[in-house]
Amino acid sequence: MSEFPPIGPYTPEKRMLIDGKLVNSSTGAEFDNINPATEEVLGQVADGSKEDMNRAIGAARNAFDNTDWSTNHKFRKHCLDQLQVALESEKEQLRAELVDEVGTPVMLTYSAQLEWPLEDAFRWPANYIGSFEWERSLPDDMKLGSVSKRKVRKEALGVIGAVVPWNFPFEVTANKIGPILATGNTVVLKPAPDTPWNATRLGRLIGEQTDIPAGVFNVVTSSDHLVGEELTLDPRVDMMSFTGSTRTGMRIMEKGAATLKRVFLELGGKSAMIVCDDADFALALPSVAGSCSHAGQGCVLQTRILLPRSRYAEGVAILTAVMQNIPYGDPRNPGNLMGPQISQLQRTRVLEYIEKGKAEGANLVVGGGRPASQPKGWFVEPTLFIDVDNSMTIAQEEIFGPVLCVIPYDDDEDAIRIANDSKYGLGVGVWSASLDRGMNIANRIRSGSASVNGGNWYGADAPYGGYKTSGIGRQNGIEGFNQHLETKLMGWTE
């Protein structure tokens, strides 16, 4: 039995939602859902097959083509409002479920893991339906000798395949599904096999507590990643919305090229935190603890810490103390910032990166291994490397663990060069006593988001995504709303 007491009772949903019905796998197969903090089996979930995915795609295609979902704006808002109420009614069950299956510290469920997306991921796009400019007029045209009226019309795109990761599964799912449904599309959701229950719960709530028509929303769980790839290959799917690794995003682009699929890709990151020589180190540097939250399993976390050489020793001393005192362990303990890695495979991967850092000459000053205090669970110690060269593997590749690299720099130009010397471009943080200086530096970093002096940009109205290999397109905001729409140009005479 687990030594961790439950934070609250919850009843998981084992079944998938396909064409409005809660169903088991066509083969009857199930797979285990594992608690990464205890290595214990939490329960089972349907192990969907390619046949199940094919039925889900067919249901989504039929719902788009043969119902008024794509054109009935008022009805869509009504349904999304129902979903908001349904989710709020099971918020505490969802919180406990996320802690157990994701291994997220419960404190994070009061921010990005649950509370933040629950607040506006569905509510904002639902409200935006009424104010969005679905049609706009263009000036009359006289090229053919008579008056042609013209307008631009926005229409739903079609069937969208949504594939979500395991690190912030509800947050990513909600911020995908909200705009997809609000714009009139239908969807097949494929959650990560590591964290399936939050998705099946969403399916049950949609199926039982909303008027969303059968087939508009489908969820297929599977232990086989190739079942999810059916969404990329099938010509009935018009768009792929994917959040995950850059490598998988590239595969989706390659496989989707045969049917010219539109793609939204929110991929990896290796974000830098630039601490200027005029910054308040006592204020700025403790914030690096946030880059170890959820055991460093966040794509936009700032894991390259750039310190000025003029204050390098001072900065290293503060960072060392911060990293030595990060609370971690039982994710149900509200005082812990870090829980486990999601799986044994992920823990092994993180530990291998740590060994690469040592082999390439970085100086390991905190952590670097499995904590003796956690004999069960896939934990890694908060780890700090100093004297890192930006060309090293640990500075260039996404580790997705609680591993921070401290890199010295000479001046602002050098810091900007180092920050931009990455194949990724998801986020950056800048700290300076001068707001103008901080903003000017942030504006020169090739990244999709920037935080200056700890400022928060997150929200359903905020278009999130990356430059370079960090992705294509934006999730949320006006830009995210628009990317799920087609544009029709019309001209007519009266």
Protein backbone atom coordinates (compact mmCIF):
# COMPACT_ATOMS: atom_id res chain seq x y z
CA MET A 1 0.00 0.00 0.00
CA SER A 2 1.07 3.58 -0.58
CA GLU A 3 2.48 5.52 2.35
CA PHE A 4 0.88 8.66 0.91
CA PRO A 5 -2.61 9.42 2.24
CA PRO A 6 -5.18 10.34 -0.39
CA ILE A 7 -5.90 14.05 -0.75
CA GLY A 8 -9.50 13.33 -1.66
CA PRO A 9 -11.68 10.61 -3.16
CA TYR A 10 -12.25 10.40 -6.88
CA THR A 11 -13.78 7.95 -9.28
CA PRO A 12 -11.79 7.54 -12.51
CA GLU A 13 -13.39 6.94 -15.89
CA LYS A 14 -12.00 3.89 -17.68
CA ARG A 15 -14.00 4.26 -20.88
CA MET A 16 -13.43 6.27 -24.03
CA LEU A 17 -15.96 8.62 -25.61
CA ILE A 18 -16.66 7.75 -29.25
CA ASP A 19 -19.66 9.10 -31.16
CA GLY A 20 -21.39 10.23 -27.98
CA LYS A 21 -21.06 6.88 -26.19
CA LEU A 22 -18.77 5.82 -23.36
CA VAL A 23 -17.17 2.63 -24.66
CA ASN A 24 -14.47 0.11 -23.89
CA SER A 25 -11.82 -0.81 -26.42
CA SER A 26 -13.09 -2.85 -29.35
CA THR A 27 -10.60 -5.53 -28.29
CA GLY A 28 -11.57 -5.37 -24.63
CA ALA A 29 -7.96 -4.53 -23.74
CA GLU A 30 -6.98 -2.18 -20.93
CA PHE A 31 -3.67 -0.79 -19.70
CA ASP A 32 -2.44 0.29 -16.29
CA ASN A 33 -2.33 3.86 -15.07
CA ILE A 34 0.75 4.18 -12.83
CA ASN A 35 1.34 6.60 -9.96
CA PRO A 36 4.86 7.96 -10.64
CA ALA A 37 5.36 8.91 -6.98
CA THR A 38 4.75 5.39 -5.68
CA GLU A 39 5.21 3.17 -8.77
CA GLU A 40 1.86 1.61 -7.86
CA VAL A 41 -0.97 0.81 -10.26
CA LEU A 42 -3.80 3.30 -9.77
CA GLY A 43 -6.20 1.40 -12.02
CA GLN A 44 -6.90 0.74 -15.67
CA VAL A 45 -8.17 2.52 -18.76
CA ALA A 46 -9.36 1.34 -22.16
CA ASP A 47 -6.52 0.46 -24.52
CA GLY A 48 -7.93 1.76 -27.77
CA SER A 49 -7.07 0.20 -31.11
CA LYS A 50 -6.68 1.57 -34.63
CA GLU A 51 -10.24 0.41 -35.22
CA ASP A 52 -11.42 2.56 -32.31
CA MET A 53 -9.52 5.54 -33.67
CA ASN A 54 -11.03 4.98 -37.10
CA ARG A 55 -14.53 5.02 -35.59
CA ALA A 56 -13.75 8.21 -33.66
CA ILE A 57 -12.47 9.97 -36.78
CA GLY A 58 -15.55 8.86 -38.69
CA ALA A 59 -17.82 10.16 -35.93
CA ALA A 60 -16.04 13.52 -35.90
CA ARG A 61 -16.26 13.77 -39.69
CA ASN A 62 -19.95 12.97 -39.67
CA ALA A 63 -20.69 15.45 -36.89
CA PHE A 64 -18.91 18.21 -38.77
CA ASP A 65 -20.45 17.45 -42.15
CA ASN A 66 -24.00 16.59 -41.10
CA THR A 67 -24.92 18.74 -38.09
CA ASP A 68 -25.16 22.50 -37.60
CA TRP A 69 -22.39 22.49 -34.97
CA SER A 70 -20.02 24.43 -37.24
CA THR A 71 -22.53 27.22 -37.93
CA ASN A 72 -24.65 27.50 -34.78
CA HIS A 73 -22.67 30.01 -32.76
CA LYS A 74 -25.23 30.49 -30.00
CA PHE A 75 -25.57 26.75 -29.43
CA ARG A 76 -21.80 26.30 -29.17
CA LYS A 77 -21.57 28.92 -26.45
CA HIS A 78 -24.44 27.25 -24.60
CA CYS A 79 -22.62 23.91 -24.71
CA LEU A 80 -19.29 25.36 -23.57
CA ASP A 81 -21.05 27.10 -20.68
CA GLN A 82 -22.50 23.72 -19.69
CA LEU A 83 -19.05 22.17 -19.81
CA GLN A 84 -17.67 24.90 -17.56
CA VAL A 85 -20.30 24.12 -14.93
CA ALA A 86 -19.69 20.38 -15.24
CA LEU A 87 -15.93 20.72 -14.75
CA GLU A 88 -16.33 22.99 -11.77
CA SER A 89 -18.67 20.45 -10.16
CA GLU A 90 -15.87 17.85 -10.17
CA LYS A 91 -12.92 20.16 -9.59
CA GLU A 92 -11.74 18.50 -6.38
CA GLN A 93 -11.95 15.02 -7.90
CA LEU A 94 -9.97 16.26 -10.87
CA ARG A 95 -7.37 17.83 -8.57
CA ALA A 96 -6.78 14.57 -6.70
CA GLU A 97 -6.71 12.61 -9.92
CA LEU A 98 -4.10 14.90 -11.46
CA VAL A 99 -1.85 14.64 -8.41
CA ASP A 100 -1.97 10.85 -8.55
CA GLU A 101 -1.62 10.18 -12.27
CA VAL A 102 0.64 13.12 -13.20
CA GLY A 103 2.74 13.22 -10.03
CA THR A 104 2.25 16.97 -9.95
CA PRO A 105 2.69 18.69 -6.59
CA VAL A 106 -0.74 19.60 -5.29
CA MET A 107 0.36 23.23 -4.97
CA LEU A 108 0.60 23.43 -8.79
CA THR A 109 -3.04 22.41 -9.14
CA TYR A 110 -3.87 25.79 -7.66
CA SER A 111 -2.16 27.42 -10.65
CA ALA A 112 -1.24 26.05 -14.08
CA GLN A 113 -2.16 22.40 -13.54
CA LEU A 114 -5.83 23.08 -12.84
CA GLU A 115 -7.11 26.40 -11.46
CA TRP A 116 -5.74 28.70 -14.16
CA PRO A 117 -7.06 26.73 -17.15
CA LEU A 118 -10.31 25.94 -15.38
CA GLU A 119 -10.85 29.66 -14.90
CA ASP A 120 -10.79 30.71 -18.55
CA ALA A 121 -9.68 27.98 -21.02
CA PHE A 122 -13.32 27.30 -21.95
CA ARG A 123 -14.90 30.51 -20.70
CA TRP A 124 -12.78 32.93 -22.76
CA PRO A 125 -13.31 31.30 -26.19
CA ALA A 126 -17.00 30.72 -25.40
CA ASN A 127 -17.45 34.43 -24.72
CA TYR A 128 -15.35 35.38 -27.74
CA ILE A 129 -17.80 33.63 -30.06
CA GLY A 130 -20.17 36.58 -29.68
CA SER A 131 -17.63 39.34 -30.34
CA PHE A 132 -15.48 37.69 -33.02
CA GLU A 133 -15.81 39.20 -36.51
CA TRP A 134 -17.12 36.16 -38.41
CA GLU A 135 -17.71 38.30 -41.51
CA ARG A 136 -16.28 41.60 -42.70
CA SER A 137 -17.01 43.68 -45.77
CA LEU A 138 -14.49 44.85 -48.35
CA PRO A 139 -14.94 47.95 -50.53
CA ASP A 140 -17.09 47.53 -53.64
CA ASP A 141 -15.20 46.54 -56.78
CA MET A 142 -15.71 47.92 -60.36
CA LYS A 143 -13.16 45.86 -62.34
CA LEU A 144 -15.79 44.12 -64.47
CA GLY A 145 -17.73 47.30 -65.25
CA SER A 146 -20.44 46.68 -62.68
CA VAL A 147 -20.54 46.88 -58.93
CA SER A 148 -19.37 43.74 -57.14
CA LYS A 149 -20.04 43.46 -53.46
CA ARG A 150 -17.32 41.66 -51.49
CA LYS A 151 -16.87 40.13 -48.07
CA VAL A 152 -14.58 37.84 -46.10
CA ARG A 153 -16.18 35.01 -44.17
CA LYS A 154 -14.63 32.87 -41.42
CA GLU A 155 -15.70 29.24 -41.27
CA ALA A 156 -14.79 26.25 -39.14
CA LEU A 157 -11.87 24.23 -40.45
CA GLY A 158 -13.20 20.69 -39.96
CA VAL A 159 -11.96 17.69 -37.98
CA ILE A 160 -9.00 18.36 -35.70
CA GLY A 161 -6.78 15.74 -34.10
CA ALA A 162 -5.53 16.86 -30.69
CA VAL A 163 -2.56 15.04 -29.15
CA VAL A 164 -1.52 16.17 -25.68
CA PRO A 165 1.49 15.46 -23.43
CA TRP A 166 1.68 14.11 -19.90
CA ASN A 167 3.30 17.02 -18.08
CA PHE A 168 0.35 19.46 -17.87
CA PRO A 169 -2.35 17.29 -19.42
CA PHE A 170 -5.52 19.05 -18.31
CA GLU A 171 -4.04 22.50 -18.92
CA VAL A 172 -2.96 21.65 -22.46
CA THR A 173 -6.17 19.77 -23.25
CA ALA A 174 -8.43 22.56 -22.01
CA ASN A 175 -6.51 25.23 -23.91
CA LYS A 176 -6.72 23.16 -27.08
CA ILE A 177 -10.31 22.02 -26.83
CA GLY A 178 -11.79 25.39 -25.85
CA PRO A 179 -10.86 27.23 -29.07
CA ILE A 180 -11.36 24.13 -31.24
CA LEU A 181 -14.97 23.75 -30.12
CA ALA A 182 -15.70 27.48 -29.95
CA THR A 183 -14.72 27.88 -33.62
CA GLY A 184 -17.09 25.10 -34.67
CA ASN A 185 -14.70 22.24 -35.29
CA THR A 186 -15.02 18.65 -34.21
CA VAL A 187 -12.18 16.85 -32.48
CA VAL A 188 -10.58 13.55 -31.61
CA LEU A 189 -8.45 13.79 -28.48
CA LYS A 190 -5.56 11.38 -27.94
CA PRO A 191 -4.09 11.83 -24.43
CA ALA A 192 -0.66 10.60 -23.41
CA PRO A 193 -0.82 7.01 -22.13
CA ASP A 194 0.93 8.14 -18.93
CA THR A 195 -1.97 10.42 -17.92
CA PRO A 196 -5.26 9.22 -19.45
CA TRP A 197 -7.87 9.74 -16.73
CA ASN A 198 -8.21 13.52 -16.90
CA ALA A 199 -9.10 13.10 -20.59
CA THR A 200 -11.62 10.32 -20.04
CA ARG A 201 -13.20 12.37 -17.24
CA LEU A 202 -13.60 15.24 -19.70
CA GLY A 203 -15.18 12.83 -22.17
CA ARG A 204 -17.65 11.57 -19.60
CA LEU A 205 -18.63 15.10 -18.56
CA ILE A 206 -19.18 16.12 -22.18
CA GLY A 207 -21.17 12.97 -22.91
CA GLU A 208 -23.35 13.11 -19.81
CA GLN A 209 -23.64 16.77 -18.79
CA THR A 210 -23.63 18.81 -21.99
CA ASP A 211 -25.69 19.05 -25.17
CA ILE A 212 -22.62 18.74 -27.39
CA PRO A 213 -23.78 16.49 -30.24
CA ALA A 214 -22.48 12.96 -30.61
CA GLY A 215 -19.21 12.88 -32.52
CA VAL A 216 -18.25 16.51 -31.93
CA PHE A 217 -15.85 15.49 -29.16
CA ASN A 218 -14.20 12.07 -28.99
CA VAL A 219 -11.42 10.74 -26.78
CA VAL A 220 -9.38 7.66 -27.60
CA THR A 221 -6.93 6.34 -25.01
CA SER A 222 -4.22 3.90 -26.08
CA SER A 223 -0.87 2.60 -24.92
CA ASP A 224 0.20 2.50 -28.58
CA HIS A 225 1.49 5.81 -29.97
CA LEU A 226 0.83 4.57 -33.51
CA VAL A 227 -2.89 4.64 -32.74
CA GLY A 228 -2.53 8.39 -32.30
CA GLU A 229 -0.59 8.62 -35.55
CA GLU A 230 -3.74 7.53 -37.39
CA LEU A 231 -4.92 11.11 -36.86
CA THR A 232 -1.94 12.37 -38.84
CA LEU A 233 -2.37 9.86 -41.64
CA ASP A 234 -6.15 9.96 -42.13
CA PRO A 235 -7.36 12.32 -44.91
CA ARG A 236 -10.62 12.90 -43.01
CA VAL A 237 -8.63 14.89 -40.41
CA ASP A 238 -8.04 18.48 -41.48
CA MET A 239 -5.62 19.67 -38.81
CA MET A 240 -3.26 18.31 -36.17
CA SER A 241 -2.91 20.18 -32.89
CA PHE A 242 0.09 18.74 -31.05
CA THR A 243 1.97 19.65 -27.91
CA GLY A 244 5.08 17.64 -27.13
CA SER A 245 8.62 16.98 -28.27
CA THR A 246 10.19 18.64 -31.28
CA ARG A 247 11.10 15.23 -32.70
CA THR A 248 7.48 14.07 -32.66
CA GLY A 249 6.33 17.40 -34.09
CA MET A 250 8.66 16.92 -37.04
CA ARG A 251 7.22 13.45 -37.60
CA ILE A 252 3.69 14.86 -37.59
CA MET A 253 4.67 17.44 -40.23
CA GLU A 254 6.31 14.74 -42.35
CA LYS A 255 3.46 12.25 -42.13
CA GLY A 256 0.79 14.92 -42.51
CA ALA A 257 2.32 16.30 -45.70
CA ALA A 258 0.61 13.63 -47.79
CA THR A 259 -2.78 15.15 -47.01
CA LEU A 260 -1.56 18.77 -46.65
CA LYS A 261 -2.75 18.94 -43.06
CA ARG A 262 -2.68 22.21 -41.24
CA VAL A 263 -0.59 21.89 -38.07
CA PHE A 264 -0.32 23.63 -34.75
CA LEU A 265 2.84 22.51 -32.98
CA GLU A 266 3.87 23.61 -29.50
CA LEU A 267 7.19 21.90 -29.03
CA GLY A 268 10.34 21.91 -26.91
CA GLY A 269 12.25 24.70 -25.28
CA LYS A 270 15.53 25.61 -23.63
CA SER A 271 14.63 28.98 -22.21
CA ALA A 272 17.21 31.33 -20.78
CA MET A 273 16.99 33.60 -17.75
CA ILE A 274 19.18 36.66 -18.25
CA VAL A 275 20.08 38.32 -14.95
CA CYS A 276 21.55 41.76 -15.62
CA ASP A 277 24.38 43.19 -13.55
CA ASP A 278 22.05 45.84 -12.08
CA ALA A 279 19.38 43.32 -11.00
CA ASP A 280 18.42 42.65 -7.40
CA PHE A 281 19.94 39.18 -7.09
CA ALA A 282 18.14 38.48 -3.82
CA LEU A 283 14.82 39.04 -5.62
CA ALA A 284 15.60 37.52 -9.00
CA LEU A 285 17.57 34.37 -8.28
CA PRO A 286 15.18 32.61 -5.86
CA SER A 287 12.72 32.52 -8.77
CA VAL A 288 14.84 29.77 -10.37
CA ALA A 289 13.09 27.39 -7.99
CA GLY A 290 10.14 27.72 -10.32
CA SER A 291 12.18 26.08 -13.07
CA CYS A 292 12.31 22.96 -10.91
CA SER A 293 8.57 22.96 -10.25
CA HIS A 294 6.91 19.71 -11.31
CA ALA A 295 10.43 18.23 -11.40
CA GLY A 296 11.40 20.48 -14.32
CA GLN A 297 8.81 18.92 -16.60
CA GLY A 298 7.74 22.08 -18.38
CA CYS A 299 8.70 23.17 -21.89
CA VAL A 300 9.00 26.90 -21.16
CA LEU A 301 10.86 26.64 -17.84
CA GLN A 302 13.99 28.79 -17.70
CA THR A 303 16.79 26.25 -17.33
CA ARG A 304 19.74 28.26 -18.67
CA ILE A 305 20.68 30.86 -16.04
CA LEU A 306 22.88 33.60 -17.50
CA LEU A 307 24.90 35.51 -14.87
CA PRO A 308 27.21 38.49 -15.46
CA ARG A 309 30.87 37.67 -14.83
CA SER A 310 31.14 40.77 -12.66
CA ARG A 311 28.75 39.22 -10.10
CA TYR A 312 29.15 35.55 -10.98
CA ALA A 313 30.41 34.25 -7.61
CA GLU A 314 27.67 36.13 -5.77
CA GLY A 315 25.02 34.71 -8.05
CA VAL A 316 26.33 31.15 -7.83
CA ALA A 317 26.26 31.31 -4.03
CA ILE A 318 22.59 32.35 -4.01
CA LEU A 319 21.61 29.77 -6.64
CA THR A 320 23.38 27.01 -4.73
CA ALA A 321 21.46 27.83 -1.57
CA VAL A 322 18.17 28.00 -3.48
CA MET A 323 18.68 24.63 -5.13
CA GLN A 324 19.78 22.97 -1.89
CA ASN A 325 16.53 23.99 -0.24
CA ILE A 326 13.90 23.15 -2.85
CA PRO A 327 11.23 21.05 -1.10
CA TYR A 328 10.40 17.84 -2.94
CA GLY A 329 8.89 14.43 -2.40
CA ASP A 330 5.28 13.38 -1.82
CA PRO A 331 3.24 15.39 -4.36
CA ARG A 332 0.27 15.33 -1.99
CA ASN A 333 2.26 17.36 0.53
CA PRO A 334 1.22 20.99 -0.08
CA GLY A 335 4.70 22.17 0.89
CA ASN A 336 6.50 20.35 -1.92
CA LEU A 337 7.43 22.11 -5.15
CA MET A 338 8.74 18.99 -6.87
CA GLY A 339 7.33 15.53 -7.34
CA PRO A 340 8.71 12.67 -9.45
CA GLN A 341 9.53 12.30 -13.11
CA ILE A 342 6.57 10.86 -14.99
CA SER A 343 8.17 7.45 -15.61
CA GLN A 344 11.22 5.31 -15.05
CA LEU A 345 12.19 5.97 -18.67
CA GLN A 346 12.06 9.73 -18.14
CA ARG A 347 14.11 9.49 -14.93
CA THR A 348 16.75 7.44 -16.75
CA ARG A 349 16.86 10.03 -19.52
CA VAL A 350 17.39 12.89 -17.05
CA LEU A 351 20.14 11.01 -15.20
CA GLU A 352 21.89 10.32 -18.51
CA TYR A 353 21.91 14.04 -19.28
CA ILE A 354 23.45 14.72 -15.88
CA GLU A 355 26.24 12.27 -16.67
CA LYS A 356 26.79 14.01 -20.02
CA GLY A 357 27.12 17.33 -18.21
CA LYS A 358 29.80 15.96 -15.93
CA ALA A 359 31.62 14.25 -18.81
CA GLU A 360 31.70 17.48 -20.86
CA GLY A 361 33.25 19.45 -18.02
CA ALA A 362 30.39 21.26 -16.31
CA ASN A 363 30.79 21.67 -12.56
CA LEU A 364 28.07 19.84 -10.60
CA VAL A 365 27.47 21.63 -7.30
CA VAL A 366 24.01 20.46 -6.19
CA GLY A 367 22.17 17.15 -6.64
CA GLY A 368 22.84 14.96 -9.61
CA GLY A 369 21.25 11.67 -8.63
CA ARG A 370 18.34 9.78 -7.15
CA PRO A 371 17.44 11.00 -3.66
CA ALA A 372 18.10 8.51 -0.88
CA SER A 373 15.04 9.86 0.91
CA GLN A 374 12.75 8.58 -1.87
CA PRO A 375 13.23 4.80 -2.26
CA LYS A 376 9.96 4.58 -4.19
CA GLY A 377 8.93 6.75 -7.10
CA TRP A 378 10.82 8.13 -10.08
CA PHE A 379 12.51 11.05 -8.36
CA VAL A 380 15.61 13.05 -9.35
CA GLU A 381 17.34 15.51 -7.02
CA PRO A 382 17.23 19.24 -7.83
CA THR A 383 20.47 19.59 -9.80
CA LEU A 384 22.69 22.61 -10.46
CA PHE A 385 25.59 22.82 -12.88
CA ILE A 386 27.82 25.91 -12.93
CA ASP A 387 30.60 27.00 -15.29
CA VAL A 388 28.58 25.69 -18.22
CA ASP A 389 29.54 26.53 -21.78
CA ASN A 390 26.50 27.13 -23.97
CA SER A 391 27.82 24.60 -26.51
CA MET A 392 27.51 21.73 -24.01
CA THR A 393 24.77 19.14 -24.46
CA ILE A 394 23.05 20.11 -21.20
CA ALA A 395 22.80 23.72 -22.45
CA GLN A 396 21.56 22.85 -25.92
CA GLU A 397 19.13 19.96 -25.45
CA GLU A 398 15.84 19.88 -23.58
CA ILE A 399 16.34 17.73 -20.48
CA PHE A 400 12.81 17.98 -19.07
CA GLY A 401 14.05 17.47 -15.55
CA PRO A 402 15.12 19.55 -12.51
CA VAL A 403 18.51 20.41 -14.01
CA LEU A 404 19.69 24.02 -14.25
CA CYS A 405 22.79 25.28 -16.06
CA VAL A 406 24.59 28.47 -14.99
CA ILE A 407 26.39 30.24 -17.84
CA PRO A 408 28.60 33.33 -17.38
CA TYR A 409 28.42 36.26 -19.81
CA ASP A 410 30.37 39.47 -20.38
CA ASP A 411 27.81 42.16 -21.26
CA ASP A 412 24.27 42.58 -22.63
CA GLU A 413 25.35 41.80 -26.19
CA ASP A 414 27.02 38.59 -25.04
CA ALA A 415 23.95 37.58 -23.03
CA ILE A 416 21.66 38.14 -26.03
CA ARG A 417 24.01 36.12 -28.23
CA ILE A 418 24.06 33.20 -25.79
CA ALA A 419 20.29 33.25 -25.25
CA ASN A 420 19.69 33.17 -29.01
CA ASP A 421 22.31 30.45 -29.55
CA SER A 422 19.73 27.69 -29.39
CA LYS A 423 17.60 25.77 -31.85
CA TYR A 424 14.66 26.54 -29.56
CA GLY A 425 12.75 29.78 -29.10
CA LEU A 426 9.91 29.22 -26.66
CA GLY A 427 10.54 31.66 -23.82
CA VAL A 428 12.98 33.94 -22.02
CA GLY A 429 13.19 35.73 -18.71
CA VAL A 430 15.06 39.00 -18.07
CA TRP A 431 15.77 40.69 -14.75
CA SER A 432 17.03 44.28 -14.54
CA ALA A 433 16.67 47.31 -12.28
CA SER A 434 15.90 49.23 -15.48
CA LEU A 435 12.61 48.23 -17.07
CA ASP A 436 13.68 49.80 -20.38
CA ARG A 437 16.88 47.77 -20.37
CA GLY A 438 15.02 44.59 -19.55
CA MET A 439 12.39 45.16 -22.23
CA ASN A 440 15.00 46.00 -24.86
CA ILE A 441 16.87 42.77 -24.14
CA ALA A 442 13.66 40.72 -24.18
CA ASN A 443 12.68 42.23 -27.53
CA ARG A 444 15.93 40.99 -29.06
CA ILE A 445 15.48 37.37 -28.01
CA ARG A 446 13.94 35.14 -30.66
CA SER A 447 11.26 33.57 -28.51
CA GLY A 448 7.49 33.34 -28.49
CA SER A 449 7.11 34.59 -24.92
CA ALA A 450 9.12 36.79 -22.57
CA SER A 451 8.90 37.60 -18.88
CA VAL A 452 10.57 40.75 -17.58
CA ASN A 453 11.19 41.04 -13.84
CA GLY A 454 8.94 38.08 -13.15
CA GLY A 455 5.95 39.30 -15.15
CA ASN A 456 3.33 36.66 -16.01
CA TRP A 457 1.93 36.44 -19.55
CA TYR A 458 -0.29 33.36 -19.09
CA GLY A 459 -4.00 33.34 -19.95
CA ALA A 460 -6.60 32.03 -22.37
CA ASP A 461 -6.42 35.39 -24.13
CA ALA A 462 -2.63 35.08 -24.53
CA PRO A 463 -1.27 33.60 -27.80
CA TYR A 464 1.33 31.07 -26.67
CA GLY A 465 3.86 29.31 -28.89
CA GLY A 466 7.43 29.37 -30.09
CA TYR A 467 9.96 30.46 -32.67
CA LYS A 468 12.36 28.15 -34.51
CA THR A 469 12.04 24.47 -33.53
CA SER A 470 9.80 25.37 -30.60
CA GLY A 471 6.80 25.21 -32.85
CA ILE A 472 4.38 26.57 -35.43
CA GLY A 473 1.28 28.62 -34.65
CA ARG A 474 -0.16 29.87 -31.37
CA GLN A 475 -2.41 28.41 -28.73
CA ASN A 476 -5.02 30.72 -27.17
CA GLY A 477 -5.85 34.35 -27.80
CA ILE A 478 -7.11 35.84 -31.04
CA GLU A 479 -4.27 34.20 -32.97
CA GLY A 480 -5.16 30.79 -31.58
CA PHE A 481 -8.84 31.31 -32.34
CA ASN A 482 -8.07 32.23 -35.95
CA GLN A 483 -5.81 29.27 -36.64
CA HIS A 484 -8.78 26.92 -36.30
CA LEU A 485 -10.71 28.73 -39.03
CA GLU A 486 -10.80 28.79 -42.83
CA THR A 487 -11.14 32.06 -44.75
CA LYS A 488 -13.68 32.32 -47.57
CA LEU A 489 -13.58 35.31 -49.94
CA MET A 490 -16.91 36.15 -51.61
CA GLY A 491 -17.94 38.51 -54.40
CA TRP A 492 -21.42 39.03 -55.83
CA THR A 493 -23.57 41.38 -57.85
CA GLU A 494 -27.06 42.50 -56.89
